[in-house]
């Protein structure tokens, strides 16, 4: 009897080990998947000069494409293929290192492209012209008193890292100070009470969703990708600012609170729903929010901010779900919610549905893939 029990325990142990081996992800596999997804996009959109057309024409340096290039630059850092650099550099050069609405734009969506301009400048800082326009725009923000430009939480990811990157690149702390003032306004004051709810550790997308607005199940509306934007912004800012920056610990505190909240929301299959607190409101797998949460959690584990034993299983489950259920054999990404501001927008979200813009979904996925790669699972 004792022998039978020991054999059963041994078999169970071996089975768990085999399952773990099947679920583990080698860096080679991660890189292969990232390259596949990126190559699909670069082949389909080989002409980086072409504007997008969704109801109207939009130049290719809008925020959707800017997010893609964030992901591409992250991929380039772990896999410096010349074609990636040329695709990014030539795109930036085509747009004369400028923004959709010129240097006077206060719209963070316009400024998002500046993250890649700065990254490219850092690789080969031989031309001040690469920074001139984005620096002029952010200097305008720093030099004027308004702090209420980020009225929607997506803007935090589009604009905030630009200020952080300029602060690090130039050594001028004024960018850090302005970044905090704008973030603090969005967090604590926008919409009357601020867009961040410390009780839940999550963000309302904009003033339209601050209570008394409720989801169909009576919960507050916390949109997955919107919270993903903030989560990613905190990562990208913390990656740039020095240890001594005045508000670094404030950003870390918000990152940790969001991590706890997001842990509670993960689906059993590894994805997150479009609505974090109402799985019945257009519930189902969604790739962009999931990718951004993987990006943030993997980074947090690697930095020692998140407990590896607690968060690594979430990250692994989510990554395997993305690869298994969202990535097509040709590199197309399924389950990407189209543009919008809440769960009902950009529907349907299915394995085969093509979102109105494909670029930002790829960017989010590449950010996740590169952080998984760095973990070296």
Foldseek 3Di string as FASTA:
>chain_A
DVVVVVVVVVVVVVVVVVVVVVLDDFLVNLLVLLCLQVVLVCVVPVPLQAFADDVHTDGSLFQLQLLLLLLLLLSCVVPVDVVSLCSLVVNCVVVQLAFRVWLQDLALRRLQNLVSLLVNCVVPVPDCSSVVRSVSNLVVLLPDDDLANCQFLLSLLSHLLSLLSCCQVVVDCSSVVSSVSNQCCQAQQFLHGHQADLVLLAGAGGNVQDPVHADPVRHGWGFLLSRLSLLLSLLSNLVRDDPPRPCNVVSLVSNVSNLVNQLVQADPQLAGFRTRPDCPLLHDHAQQSLLSSLLNLLSCVVVVNDDCVSCVVSSSSNVVCQVVQAQDPSNQGAQHAADDRGRVHRDDGGNPDDHSDRSNSSSSNSSNSSSSSVSRD
